[in-house]
Amino acid sequence: MAAADRLELVVVRHGLTSWNSERRYQGQRDIPLLLPEALPDLDRLRVALADSVFDAVHASDLTRCRQTLAHIRDGSAWAAHPETPRFDRRLRELDFGDYEGRTWEALKDDPDYRAWVDSRGMRATPGGESAHDLWARLSAWLDEVLAQASEHGHRRVLAVSHGGAIRELSRRLEGADFWAGVVGQAQGRRFVFTHGEEGWQCSCSSAVPAPESATS
């Protein structure tokens, strides 16, 4: 198989959970999807990806991402693909440490919490990770995805992950503002990489699903 010189990497966030609806920090807690409330957004994402064929599929190993992947894969063009999904801890959400299970309302007057917010993730949460820690594991995963594209000729790859992980990818790959990279449940980004003399570079990106104004 010829080596690929262009790769579409579609990274989407899991669907709605009860902790999302309560605005609780989930982090690496294994919270399942909130059903049936999560279904409309998941259905919209499934339609957006239905005709795409992915050469490789990755997902966070947490239940909400496994459930999201199972739902959007059902009935899609890539449902019968022989490639087994790869469930990877490196695609997990930021570890929020002591903040997991708590809400902004409960934390807003905590000076340590305010310092973490003001640092734009550069500080680690108490007992958790910093944005640098998150990027260390995401970048290791991304390097493997790009190496596999070169070796196996992959041209389109899907990953199901978490909001904080996608925000960090947007910040590092697109230069997006820390807060601007947030995506909603069952939404994500399509990153386009091209391979040249300097190796793989992210050349552009777009929203997944595409905004209604872009599809009408």
N, C-alpha and C. Protein backbone atom coordinates (compact mmCIF):
# COMPACT_ATOMS: atom_id res chain seq x y z
N MET A 1 0.85 -1.21 0.00
CA MET A 1 0.00 0.00 0.00
C MET A 1 0.87 1.25 0.00
N ALA A 2 0.53 2.19 -0.86
CA ALA A 2 1.30 3.43 -0.95
C ALA A 2 1.17 4.25 0.33
N ALA A 3 2.27 4.90 0.67
CA ALA A 3 2.25 5.74 1.87
C ALA A 3 1.32 6.92 1.65
N ALA A 4 0.58 7.28 2.69
CA ALA A 4 -0.35 8.41 2.61
C ALA A 4 0.42 9.72 2.76
N ASP A 5 -0.02 10.75 2.04
CA ASP A 5 0.55 12.08 2.22
C ASP A 5 -0.50 13.06 2.73
N ARG A 6 -1.71 12.55 3.00
CA ARG A 6 -2.78 13.38 3.55
C ARG A 6 -3.63 12.51 4.46
N LEU A 7 -3.95 13.01 5.63
CA LEU A 7 -4.74 12.25 6.60
C LEU A 7 -5.82 13.14 7.20
N GLU A 8 -7.05 12.65 7.20
CA GLU A 8 -8.13 13.29 7.93
C GLU A 8 -8.27 12.58 9.27
N LEU A 9 -8.13 13.32 10.34
CA LEU A 9 -8.29 12.78 11.69
C LEU A 9 -9.54 13.41 12.29
N VAL A 10 -10.58 12.62 12.46
CA VAL A 10 -11.85 13.09 13.02
C VAL A 10 -11.88 12.70 14.49
N VAL A 11 -11.92 13.69 15.37
CA VAL A 11 -11.94 13.44 16.81
C VAL A 11 -13.23 14.00 17.37
N VAL A 12 -14.07 13.14 17.94
CA VAL A 12 -15.39 13.57 18.42
C VAL A 12 -15.53 13.29 19.91
N ARG A 13 -16.37 14.11 20.52
CA ARG A 13 -16.64 13.98 21.95
C ARG A 13 -17.79 12.99 22.17
N HIS A 14 -17.77 12.32 23.30
CA HIS A 14 -18.85 11.41 23.67
C HIS A 14 -20.17 12.16 23.83
N GLY A 15 -21.27 11.41 23.90
CA GLY A 15 -22.59 12.00 24.09
C GLY A 15 -22.84 12.43 25.52
N LEU A 16 -24.03 12.94 25.73
CA LEU A 16 -24.44 13.52 27.01
C LEU A 16 -24.48 12.49 28.13
N THR A 17 -24.00 12.88 29.31
CA THR A 17 -24.11 12.07 30.53
C THR A 17 -24.88 12.85 31.58
N SER A 18 -25.25 12.17 32.66
CA SER A 18 -25.95 12.87 33.74
C SER A 18 -25.05 13.93 34.37
N TRP A 19 -23.76 13.66 34.45
CA TRP A 19 -22.85 14.65 35.03
C TRP A 19 -22.67 15.85 34.11
N ASN A 20 -22.73 15.64 32.78
CA ASN A 20 -22.73 16.79 31.88
C ASN A 20 -23.94 17.67 32.16
N SER A 21 -25.11 17.07 32.29
CA SER A 21 -26.34 17.83 32.49
C SER A 21 -26.33 18.55 33.83
N GLU A 22 -25.62 18.01 34.81
CA GLU A 22 -25.50 18.64 36.13
C GLU A 22 -24.30 19.56 36.22
N ARG A 23 -23.53 19.66 35.11
CA ARG A 23 -22.34 20.50 35.02
C ARG A 23 -21.30 20.12 36.07
N ARG A 24 -21.11 18.82 36.21
CA ARG A 24 -20.09 18.30 37.13
C ARG A 24 -18.82 17.96 36.34
N TYR A 25 -17.69 18.17 36.96
CA TYR A 25 -16.43 17.72 36.36
C TYR A 25 -16.39 16.21 36.38
N GLN A 26 -16.27 15.60 35.19
CA GLN A 26 -16.23 14.14 35.12
C GLN A 26 -14.81 13.60 35.15
N GLY A 27 -13.94 14.23 34.37
CA GLY A 27 -12.58 13.75 34.32
C GLY A 27 -12.51 12.29 33.91
N GLN A 28 -11.88 11.50 34.73
CA GLN A 28 -11.68 10.08 34.41
C GLN A 28 -12.64 9.17 35.17
N ARG A 29 -13.67 9.75 35.78
CA ARG A 29 -14.72 8.92 36.36
C ARG A 29 -15.46 8.20 35.23
N ASP A 30 -15.84 6.96 35.45
CA ASP A 30 -16.44 6.17 34.38
C ASP A 30 -17.96 6.32 34.41
N ILE A 31 -18.44 7.44 33.88
CA ILE A 31 -19.86 7.79 33.89
C ILE A 31 -20.48 7.40 32.55
N PRO A 32 -21.58 6.61 32.52
CA PRO A 32 -22.19 6.21 31.26
C PRO A 32 -23.01 7.33 30.64
N LEU A 33 -23.43 7.12 29.40
CA LEU A 33 -24.31 8.08 28.73
C LEU A 33 -25.65 8.19 29.44
N LEU A 34 -26.27 9.36 29.31
CA LEU A 34 -27.61 9.59 29.83
C LEU A 34 -28.60 9.28 28.71
N LEU A 35 -29.27 8.17 28.82
CA LEU A 35 -30.19 7.74 27.78
C LEU A 35 -31.63 7.75 28.28
N PRO A 36 -32.58 8.16 27.44
CA PRO A 36 -32.46 8.44 26.00
C PRO A 36 -32.06 9.88 25.66
N GLU A 37 -31.79 10.71 26.66
CA GLU A 37 -31.54 12.13 26.39
C GLU A 37 -30.36 12.36 25.43
N ALA A 38 -29.39 11.46 25.45
CA ALA A 38 -28.20 11.63 24.60
C ALA A 38 -28.46 11.31 23.13
N LEU A 39 -29.56 10.64 22.83
CA LEU A 39 -29.75 10.09 21.49
C LEU A 39 -29.85 11.12 20.36
N PRO A 40 -30.56 12.23 20.51
CA PRO A 40 -30.64 13.17 19.38
C PRO A 40 -29.28 13.64 18.89
N ASP A 41 -28.39 14.01 19.79
CA ASP A 41 -27.06 14.45 19.39
C ASP A 41 -26.26 13.31 18.77
N LEU A 42 -26.39 12.11 19.34
CA LEU A 42 -25.67 10.96 18.80
C LEU A 42 -26.17 10.61 17.40
N ASP A 43 -27.48 10.70 17.21
CA ASP A 43 -28.04 10.42 15.88
C ASP A 43 -27.53 11.42 14.85
N ARG A 44 -27.44 12.67 15.24
CA ARG A 44 -26.95 13.71 14.33
C ARG A 44 -25.50 13.44 13.94
N LEU A 45 -24.70 13.02 14.90
CA LEU A 45 -23.30 12.70 14.62
C LEU A 45 -23.21 11.46 13.73
N ARG A 46 -24.03 10.47 13.99
CA ARG A 46 -24.01 9.25 13.17
C ARG A 46 -24.32 9.57 11.72
N VAL A 47 -25.31 10.43 11.48
CA VAL A 47 -25.65 10.82 10.12
C VAL A 47 -24.48 11.55 9.46
N ALA A 48 -23.81 12.42 10.22
CA ALA A 48 -22.70 13.19 9.67
C ALA A 48 -21.53 12.30 9.25
N LEU A 49 -21.35 11.17 9.93
CA LEU A 49 -20.21 10.29 9.65
C LEU A 49 -20.58 9.04 8.88
N ALA A 50 -21.87 8.87 8.58
CA ALA A 50 -22.36 7.60 8.04
C ALA A 50 -21.68 7.18 6.75
N ASP A 51 -21.36 8.13 5.88
CA ASP A 51 -20.80 7.79 4.57
C ASP A 51 -19.28 7.78 4.55
N SER A 52 -18.67 8.10 5.67
CA SER A 52 -17.21 8.08 5.74
C SER A 52 -16.73 6.66 5.99
N VAL A 53 -15.61 6.32 5.42
CA VAL A 53 -14.98 5.02 5.68
C VAL A 53 -13.65 5.29 6.36
N PHE A 54 -13.49 4.75 7.56
CA PHE A 54 -12.29 5.00 8.35
C PHE A 54 -11.32 3.83 8.26
N ASP A 55 -10.06 4.15 8.09
CA ASP A 55 -9.02 3.13 8.02
C ASP A 55 -8.62 2.62 9.40
N ALA A 56 -8.87 3.41 10.42
CA ALA A 56 -8.59 3.00 11.79
C ALA A 56 -9.54 3.75 12.71
N VAL A 57 -9.91 3.10 13.82
CA VAL A 57 -10.85 3.68 14.79
C VAL A 57 -10.25 3.57 16.18
N HIS A 58 -10.21 4.68 16.89
CA HIS A 58 -9.67 4.74 18.24
C HIS A 58 -10.74 5.31 19.17
N ALA A 59 -10.64 5.01 20.46
CA ALA A 59 -11.57 5.58 21.44
C ALA A 59 -10.95 5.51 22.82
N SER A 60 -11.33 6.46 23.65
CA SER A 60 -11.05 6.36 25.08
C SER A 60 -11.69 5.08 25.60
N ASP A 61 -11.07 4.50 26.60
CA ASP A 61 -11.59 3.24 27.14
C ASP A 61 -12.75 3.43 28.11
N LEU A 62 -13.14 4.67 28.40
CA LEU A 62 -14.23 4.90 29.35
C LEU A 62 -15.59 4.59 28.71
N THR A 63 -16.54 4.18 29.55
CA THR A 63 -17.83 3.66 29.07
C THR A 63 -18.55 4.63 28.15
N ARG A 64 -18.55 5.91 28.47
CA ARG A 64 -19.31 6.87 27.66
C ARG A 64 -18.77 6.96 26.24
N CYS A 65 -17.48 6.75 26.07
CA CYS A 65 -16.91 6.76 24.72
C CYS A 65 -17.17 5.45 24.00
N ARG A 66 -17.12 4.34 24.71
CA ARG A 66 -17.45 3.05 24.11
C ARG A 66 -18.90 3.05 23.62
N GLN A 67 -19.81 3.59 24.44
CA GLN A 67 -21.21 3.64 24.05
C GLN A 67 -21.42 4.56 22.85
N THR A 68 -20.74 5.69 22.84
CA THR A 68 -20.85 6.63 21.72
C THR A 68 -20.36 5.98 20.44
N LEU A 69 -19.23 5.32 20.50
CA LEU A 69 -18.70 4.65 19.31
C LEU A 69 -19.67 3.59 18.81
N ALA A 70 -20.21 2.79 19.70
CA ALA A 70 -21.14 1.73 19.29
C ALA A 70 -22.36 2.32 18.59
N HIS A 71 -22.85 3.45 19.09
CA HIS A 71 -24.06 4.05 18.51
C HIS A 71 -23.77 4.64 17.13
N ILE A 72 -22.70 5.40 16.98
CA ILE A 72 -22.46 6.06 15.70
C ILE A 72 -21.95 5.07 14.65
N ARG A 73 -21.44 3.94 15.10
CA ARG A 73 -20.95 2.94 14.15
C ARG A 73 -22.11 2.13 13.55
N ASP A 74 -23.17 1.96 14.30
CA ASP A 74 -24.30 1.14 13.86
C ASP A 74 -24.90 1.69 12.56
N GLY A 75 -24.93 0.88 11.53
CA GLY A 75 -25.53 1.27 10.27
C GLY A 75 -24.69 2.16 9.39
N SER A 76 -23.45 2.42 9.76
CA SER A 76 -22.59 3.30 8.99
C SER A 76 -21.84 2.53 7.90
N ALA A 77 -21.20 3.28 7.01
CA ALA A 77 -20.43 2.66 5.93
C ALA A 77 -19.24 1.89 6.46
N TRP A 78 -18.78 2.23 7.65
CA TRP A 78 -17.59 1.58 8.22
C TRP A 78 -17.93 0.55 9.28
N ALA A 79 -19.23 0.20 9.42
CA ALA A 79 -19.64 -0.75 10.46
C ALA A 79 -19.01 -2.13 10.27
N ALA A 80 -18.84 -2.52 9.01
CA ALA A 80 -18.30 -3.86 8.74
C ALA A 80 -16.79 -3.84 8.52
N HIS A 81 -16.16 -2.72 8.80
CA HIS A 81 -14.72 -2.63 8.58
C HIS A 81 -13.99 -3.63 9.47
N PRO A 82 -13.03 -4.34 8.93
CA PRO A 82 -12.35 -5.36 9.73
C PRO A 82 -11.47 -4.80 10.84
N GLU A 83 -11.18 -3.52 10.79
CA GLU A 83 -10.32 -2.92 11.80
C GLU A 83 -11.02 -2.90 13.16
N THR A 84 -10.43 -3.53 14.16
CA THR A 84 -11.00 -3.55 15.50
C THR A 84 -10.72 -2.22 16.19
N PRO A 85 -11.73 -1.60 16.80
CA PRO A 85 -11.48 -0.34 17.50
C PRO A 85 -10.40 -0.51 18.57
N ARG A 86 -9.58 0.48 18.71
CA ARG A 86 -8.49 0.46 19.68
C ARG A 86 -8.87 1.36 20.85
N PHE A 87 -9.09 0.78 22.00
CA PHE A 87 -9.48 1.55 23.18
C PHE A 87 -8.21 1.92 23.95
N ASP A 88 -8.02 3.22 24.15
CA ASP A 88 -6.73 3.73 24.59
C ASP A 88 -6.92 4.70 25.76
N ARG A 89 -6.27 4.42 26.88
CA ARG A 89 -6.34 5.28 28.06
C ARG A 89 -5.80 6.68 27.78
N ARG A 90 -4.93 6.80 26.80
CA ARG A 90 -4.34 8.11 26.52
C ARG A 90 -5.35 9.10 25.97
N LEU A 91 -6.49 8.59 25.49
CA LEU A 91 -7.55 9.46 24.97
C LEU A 91 -8.55 9.87 26.05
N ARG A 92 -8.27 9.53 27.29
CA ARG A 92 -9.17 9.93 28.38
C ARG A 92 -9.16 11.45 28.58
N GLU A 93 -10.20 11.89 29.29
CA GLU A 93 -10.32 13.30 29.68
C GLU A 93 -9.18 13.67 30.63
N LEU A 94 -8.94 14.97 30.76
CA LEU A 94 -8.04 15.47 31.79
C LEU A 94 -8.45 14.90 33.14
N ASP A 95 -7.48 14.49 33.93
CA ASP A 95 -7.75 14.04 35.29
C ASP A 95 -7.95 15.28 36.16
N PHE A 96 -9.19 15.52 36.59
CA PHE A 96 -9.50 16.70 37.40
C PHE A 96 -9.24 16.48 38.89
N GLY A 97 -8.73 15.32 39.26
CA GLY A 97 -8.34 15.09 40.64
C GLY A 97 -9.46 15.35 41.63
N ASP A 98 -9.18 16.22 42.59
CA ASP A 98 -10.15 16.49 43.67
C ASP A 98 -11.41 17.19 43.18
N TYR A 99 -11.40 17.72 41.96
CA TYR A 99 -12.58 18.43 41.45
C TYR A 99 -13.60 17.50 40.80
N GLU A 100 -13.25 16.27 40.58
CA GLU A 100 -14.17 15.35 39.91
C GLU A 100 -15.41 15.11 40.77
N GLY A 101 -16.57 15.22 40.12
CA GLY A 101 -17.84 15.06 40.82
C GLY A 101 -18.37 16.36 41.39
N ARG A 102 -17.59 17.44 41.30
CA ARG A 102 -18.01 18.72 41.87
C ARG A 102 -18.42 19.69 40.75
N THR A 103 -19.18 20.69 41.10
CA THR A 103 -19.68 21.67 40.14
C THR A 103 -18.97 23.01 40.30
N TRP A 104 -19.11 23.85 39.27
CA TRP A 104 -18.54 25.19 39.35
C TRP A 104 -19.13 25.95 40.52
N GLU A 105 -20.42 25.80 40.75
CA GLU A 105 -21.08 26.51 41.84
C GLU A 105 -20.46 26.16 43.19
N ALA A 106 -20.10 24.89 43.35
CA ALA A 106 -19.51 24.46 44.62
C ALA A 106 -18.05 24.90 44.75
N LEU A 107 -17.38 25.13 43.61
CA LEU A 107 -15.95 25.40 43.63
C LEU A 107 -15.59 26.87 43.45
N LYS A 108 -16.52 27.70 43.01
CA LYS A 108 -16.19 29.03 42.52
C LYS A 108 -15.48 29.93 43.51
N ASP A 109 -15.68 29.69 44.82
CA ASP A 109 -15.04 30.53 45.83
C ASP A 109 -13.77 29.93 46.41
N ASP A 110 -13.37 28.78 45.89
CA ASP A 110 -12.15 28.11 46.35
C ASP A 110 -10.95 28.79 45.68
N PRO A 111 -10.01 29.36 46.44
CA PRO A 111 -8.89 30.08 45.82
C PRO A 111 -8.01 29.19 44.95
N ASP A 112 -7.84 27.93 45.33
CA ASP A 112 -7.05 27.01 44.50
C ASP A 112 -7.74 26.76 43.17
N TYR A 113 -9.06 26.64 43.21
CA TYR A 113 -9.81 26.44 41.98
C TYR A 113 -9.70 27.68 41.08
N ARG A 114 -9.84 28.87 41.67
CA ARG A 114 -9.73 30.10 40.90
C ARG A 114 -8.34 30.22 40.26
N ALA A 115 -7.31 29.81 41.01
CA ALA A 115 -5.95 29.87 40.47
C ALA A 115 -5.79 28.91 39.29
N TRP A 116 -6.42 27.74 39.38
CA TRP A 116 -6.36 26.78 38.28
C TRP A 116 -7.07 27.34 37.04
N VAL A 117 -8.26 27.92 37.22
CA VAL A 117 -8.99 28.50 36.10
C VAL A 117 -8.18 29.63 35.47
N ASP A 118 -7.62 30.50 36.30
CA ASP A 118 -6.86 31.64 35.80
C ASP A 118 -5.59 31.21 35.07
N SER A 119 -5.07 30.05 35.41
CA SER A 119 -3.86 29.54 34.75
C SER A 119 -4.16 28.96 33.38
N ARG A 120 -5.44 28.85 33.01
CA ARG A 120 -5.87 28.28 31.74
C ARG A 120 -5.33 26.85 31.57
N GLY A 121 -5.38 26.12 32.67
CA GLY A 121 -5.01 24.72 32.65
C GLY A 121 -3.53 24.45 32.82
N MET A 122 -2.71 25.50 32.92
CA MET A 122 -1.28 25.28 33.05
C MET A 122 -0.91 24.69 34.41
N ARG A 123 -1.68 25.06 35.42
CA ARG A 123 -1.51 24.41 36.73
C ARG A 123 -2.22 23.08 36.72
N ALA A 124 -1.69 22.14 37.47
CA ALA A 124 -2.38 20.86 37.64
C ALA A 124 -3.50 21.04 38.65
N THR A 125 -4.61 20.33 38.44
CA THR A 125 -5.65 20.31 39.45
C THR A 125 -5.13 19.56 40.67
N PRO A 126 -5.62 19.84 41.88
CA PRO A 126 -5.17 19.11 43.07
C PRO A 126 -5.41 17.61 42.90
N GLY A 127 -4.34 16.86 42.91
CA GLY A 127 -4.46 15.42 42.74
C GLY A 127 -4.69 14.99 41.31
N GLY A 128 -4.59 15.93 40.35
CA GLY A 128 -4.89 15.61 38.95
C GLY A 128 -3.78 16.02 38.00
N GLU A 129 -4.18 16.42 36.78
CA GLU A 129 -3.23 16.72 35.72
C GLU A 129 -3.28 18.20 35.32
N SER A 130 -2.21 18.63 34.66
CA SER A 130 -2.18 19.92 33.99
C SER A 130 -2.42 19.71 32.50
N ALA A 131 -2.60 20.81 31.78
CA ALA A 131 -2.75 20.71 30.33
C ALA A 131 -1.50 20.10 29.71
N HIS A 132 -0.35 20.38 30.29
CA HIS A 132 0.90 19.79 29.78
C HIS A 132 0.88 18.27 29.94
N ASP A 133 0.40 17.80 31.07
CA ASP A 133 0.30 16.36 31.29
C ASP A 133 -0.64 15.72 30.27
N LEU A 134 -1.77 16.38 30.03
CA LEU A 134 -2.74 15.87 29.06
C LEU A 134 -2.10 15.81 27.67
N TRP A 135 -1.40 16.87 27.27
CA TRP A 135 -0.80 16.89 25.94
C TRP A 135 0.29 15.83 25.81
N ALA A 136 1.01 15.54 26.88
CA ALA A 136 2.07 14.53 26.81
C ALA A 136 1.51 13.19 26.36
N ARG A 137 0.34 12.80 26.90
CA ARG A 137 -0.20 11.51 26.48
C ARG A 137 -0.94 11.60 25.14
N LEU A 138 -1.61 12.74 24.88
CA LEU A 138 -2.27 12.90 23.58
C LEU A 138 -1.26 12.94 22.43
N SER A 139 -0.15 13.64 22.63
CA SER A 139 0.83 13.75 21.57
C SER A 139 1.51 12.42 21.30
N ALA A 140 1.70 11.60 22.34
CA ALA A 140 2.26 10.27 22.13
C ALA A 140 1.31 9.42 21.29
N TRP A 141 0.01 9.53 21.60
CA TRP A 141 -1.00 8.81 20.80
C TRP A 141 -1.01 9.33 19.36
N LEU A 142 -0.99 10.64 19.18
CA LEU A 142 -1.04 11.24 17.86
C LEU A 142 0.17 10.83 17.02
N ASP A 143 1.34 10.80 17.63
CA ASP A 143 2.54 10.37 16.90
C ASP A 143 2.35 8.96 16.35
N GLU A 144 1.73 8.09 17.13
CA GLU A 144 1.48 6.72 16.66
C GLU A 144 0.48 6.70 15.51
N VAL A 145 -0.58 7.51 15.61
CA VAL A 145 -1.57 7.57 14.53
C VAL A 145 -0.91 8.01 13.23
N LEU A 146 -0.06 9.03 13.29
CA LEU A 146 0.60 9.54 12.09
C LEU A 146 1.62 8.54 11.56
N ALA A 147 2.31 7.84 12.45
CA ALA A 147 3.26 6.83 12.01
C ALA A 147 2.55 5.68 11.30
N GLN A 148 1.38 5.30 11.82
CA GLN A 148 0.59 4.24 11.19
C GLN A 148 0.05 4.68 9.83
N ALA A 149 -0.27 5.97 9.71
CA ALA A 149 -0.71 6.50 8.42
C ALA A 149 0.41 6.36 7.39
N SER A 150 1.63 6.68 7.81
CA SER A 150 2.77 6.55 6.91
C SER A 150 3.03 5.10 6.54
N GLU A 151 2.93 4.21 7.53
CA GLU A 151 3.26 2.80 7.32
C GLU A 151 2.19 2.04 6.55
N HIS A 152 0.92 2.32 6.89
CA HIS A 152 -0.18 1.53 6.34
C HIS A 152 -1.03 2.26 5.31
N GLY A 153 -0.71 3.52 5.04
CA GLY A 153 -1.47 4.25 4.04
C GLY A 153 -2.83 4.72 4.52
N HIS A 154 -3.01 4.90 5.82
CA HIS A 154 -4.30 5.38 6.34
C HIS A 154 -4.56 6.79 5.83
N ARG A 155 -5.81 7.02 5.42
CA ARG A 155 -6.19 8.33 4.92
C ARG A 155 -7.30 8.98 5.75
N ARG A 156 -8.01 8.18 6.54
CA ARG A 156 -9.06 8.74 7.38
C ARG A 156 -9.13 7.92 8.67
N VAL A 157 -9.05 8.60 9.81
CA VAL A 157 -9.03 7.94 11.12
C VAL A 157 -10.05 8.62 12.02
N LEU A 158 -10.77 7.82 12.81
CA LEU A 158 -11.73 8.34 13.77
C LEU A 158 -11.25 8.09 15.19
N ALA A 159 -11.48 9.05 16.06
CA ALA A 159 -11.23 8.87 17.50
C ALA A 159 -12.40 9.44 18.29
N VAL A 160 -12.87 8.69 19.28
CA VAL A 160 -13.92 9.16 20.18
C VAL A 160 -13.26 9.46 21.52
N SER A 161 -13.35 10.71 21.94
CA SER A 161 -12.62 11.12 23.13
C SER A 161 -13.50 12.04 23.99
N HIS A 162 -12.90 13.07 24.56
CA HIS A 162 -13.55 13.92 25.57
C HIS A 162 -13.32 15.39 25.25
N GLY A 163 -14.14 16.24 25.87
CA GLY A 163 -14.09 17.67 25.59
C GLY A 163 -12.74 18.30 25.85
N GLY A 164 -12.15 18.00 26.99
CA GLY A 164 -10.85 18.58 27.33
C GLY A 164 -9.75 18.12 26.39
N ALA A 165 -9.82 16.86 25.98
CA ALA A 165 -8.81 16.33 25.06
C ALA A 165 -8.91 17.02 23.70
N ILE A 166 -10.13 17.22 23.21
CA ILE A 166 -10.30 17.87 21.92
C ILE A 166 -9.88 19.34 22.01
N ARG A 167 -10.19 19.98 23.12
CA ARG A 167 -9.76 21.36 23.30
C ARG A 167 -8.23 21.46 23.26
N GLU A 168 -7.55 20.52 23.89
CA GLU A 168 -6.09 20.56 23.90
C GLU A 168 -5.52 20.28 22.50
N LEU A 169 -6.13 19.38 21.77
CA LEU A 169 -5.71 19.15 20.39
C LEU A 169 -5.89 20.42 19.55
N SER A 170 -7.03 21.10 19.71
CA SER A 170 -7.27 22.34 18.97
C SER A 170 -6.26 23.41 19.34
N ARG A 171 -5.94 23.49 20.62
CA ARG A 171 -4.99 24.50 21.07
C ARG A 171 -3.61 24.25 20.49
N ARG A 172 -3.19 22.99 20.49
CA ARG A 172 -1.85 22.67 20.04
C ARG A 172 -1.73 22.62 18.52
N LEU A 173 -2.76 22.14 17.84
CA LEU A 173 -2.69 21.95 16.39
C LEU A 173 -3.16 23.16 15.60
N GLU A 174 -4.11 23.92 16.16
CA GLU A 174 -4.69 25.05 15.43
C GLU A 174 -4.31 26.40 16.02
N GLY A 175 -3.69 26.38 17.21
CA GLY A 175 -3.41 27.64 17.87
C GLY A 175 -4.65 28.30 18.44
N ALA A 176 -5.70 27.49 18.70
CA ALA A 176 -6.95 28.03 19.23
C ALA A 176 -6.75 28.52 20.67
N ASP A 177 -7.52 29.51 21.04
CA ASP A 177 -7.53 29.97 22.42
C ASP A 177 -7.97 28.83 23.33
N PHE A 178 -7.45 28.81 24.56
CA PHE A 178 -7.75 27.72 25.49
C PHE A 178 -9.25 27.50 25.64
N TRP A 179 -10.02 28.58 25.76
CA TRP A 179 -11.46 28.43 25.97
C TRP A 179 -12.22 28.29 24.66
N ALA A 180 -11.63 28.71 23.56
CA ALA A 180 -12.33 28.66 22.28
C ALA A 180 -12.41 27.25 21.70
N GLY A 181 -11.58 26.33 22.19
CA GLY A 181 -11.55 24.99 21.63
C GLY A 181 -12.60 24.04 22.17
N VAL A 182 -13.53 24.55 22.98
CA VAL A 182 -14.55 23.68 23.59
C VAL A 182 -15.55 23.23 22.53
N VAL A 183 -15.90 21.94 22.54
CA VAL A 183 -16.94 21.41 21.65
C VAL A 183 -18.04 20.80 22.51
N GLY A 184 -19.25 20.75 21.96
CA GLY A 184 -20.39 20.18 22.68
C GLY A 184 -20.38 18.67 22.64
N GLN A 185 -21.35 18.07 23.35
CA GLN A 185 -21.47 16.62 23.33
C GLN A 185 -21.77 16.13 21.91
N ALA A 186 -21.15 15.01 21.53
CA ALA A 186 -21.32 14.40 20.20
C ALA A 186 -20.95 15.37 19.09
N GLN A 187 -19.96 16.22 19.35
CA GLN A 187 -19.39 17.11 18.34
C GLN A 187 -17.88 16.96 18.37
N GLY A 188 -17.22 17.52 17.38
CA GLY A 188 -15.77 17.40 17.37
C GLY A 188 -15.13 18.23 16.28
N ARG A 189 -13.90 17.81 15.91
CA ARG A 189 -13.12 18.51 14.91
C ARG A 189 -12.56 17.51 13.90
N ARG A 190 -12.47 17.97 12.66
CA ARG A 190 -11.82 17.21 11.60
C ARG A 190 -10.50 17.90 11.29
N PHE A 191 -9.40 17.29 11.70
CA PHE A 191 -8.07 17.84 11.47
C PHE A 191 -7.49 17.22 10.19
N VAL A 192 -6.99 18.05 9.29
CA VAL A 192 -6.38 17.56 8.06
C VAL A 192 -4.86 17.73 8.18
N PHE A 193 -4.15 16.62 8.05
CA PHE A 193 -2.69 16.61 8.10
C PHE A 193 -2.15 16.34 6.70
N THR A 194 -1.07 17.02 6.35
CA THR A 194 -0.35 16.74 5.11
C THR A 194 1.10 16.41 5.44
N HIS A 195 1.69 15.57 4.61
CA HIS A 195 3.06 15.12 4.85
C HIS A 195 3.99 15.74 3.83
N GLY A 196 5.02 16.40 4.32
CA GLY A 196 6.00 17.03 3.44
C GLY A 196 7.40 16.83 3.96
N GLU A 197 8.31 17.72 3.58
CA GLU A 197 9.71 17.59 3.98
C GLU A 197 9.89 17.64 5.49
N GLU A 198 9.01 18.36 6.18
CA GLU A 198 9.13 18.49 7.62
C GLU A 198 8.25 17.49 8.37
N GLY A 199 7.75 16.49 7.65
CA GLY A 199 6.91 15.49 8.28
C GLY A 199 5.45 15.89 8.25
N TRP A 200 4.67 15.35 9.16
CA TRP A 200 3.24 15.62 9.22
C TRP A 200 2.97 16.98 9.85
N GLN A 201 2.10 17.76 9.21
CA GLN A 201 1.69 19.06 9.74
C GLN A 201 0.18 19.19 9.61
N CYS A 202 -0.47 19.77 10.63
CA CYS A 202 -1.90 20.04 10.54
C CYS A 202 -2.10 21.27 9.66
N SER A 203 -2.81 21.08 8.54
CA SER A 203 -2.96 22.17 7.58
C SER A 203 -4.27 22.94 7.74
N CYS A 204 -5.32 22.28 8.25
CA CYS A 204 -6.59 22.97 8.45
C CYS A 204 -7.50 22.08 9.30
N SER A 205 -8.63 22.61 9.70
CA SER A 205 -9.58 21.83 10.49
C SER A 205 -10.98 22.40 10.27
N SER A 206 -11.99 21.62 10.67
CA SER A 206 -13.37 22.05 10.54
C SER A 206 -14.22 21.36 11.59
N ALA A 207 -15.43 21.87 11.79
CA ALA A 207 -16.33 21.34 12.82
C ALA A 207 -17.01 20.06 12.31
N VAL A 208 -17.26 19.14 13.25
CA VAL A 208 -18.01 17.91 12.99
C VAL A 208 -19.08 17.78 14.07
N PRO A 209 -20.38 17.63 13.70
CA PRO A 209 -20.94 17.80 12.36
C PRO A 209 -20.75 19.24 11.87
N ALA A 210 -20.81 19.43 10.55
CA ALA A 210 -20.69 20.78 10.01
C ALA A 210 -21.85 21.63 10.49
N PRO A 211 -21.64 22.92 10.79
CA PRO A 211 -22.75 23.79 11.20
C PRO A 211 -23.85 23.79 10.16
N GLU A 212 -25.08 23.94 10.59
CA GLU A 212 -26.22 23.89 9.66
C GLU A 212 -26.09 24.93 8.55
N SER A 213 -25.54 26.09 8.84
CA SER A 213 -25.40 27.13 7.83
C SER A 213 -24.46 26.71 6.72
N ALA A 214 -23.53 25.77 7.06
CA ALA A 214 -22.57 25.32 6.06
C ALA A 214 -23.13 24.18 5.22
N THR A 215 -24.22 23.57 5.66
CA THR A 215 -24.78 22.43 4.95
C THR A 215 -26.09 22.77 4.23
N SER A 216 -26.64 23.94 4.50
CA SER A 216 -27.93 24.32 3.89
C SER A 216 -27.71 24.98 2.54
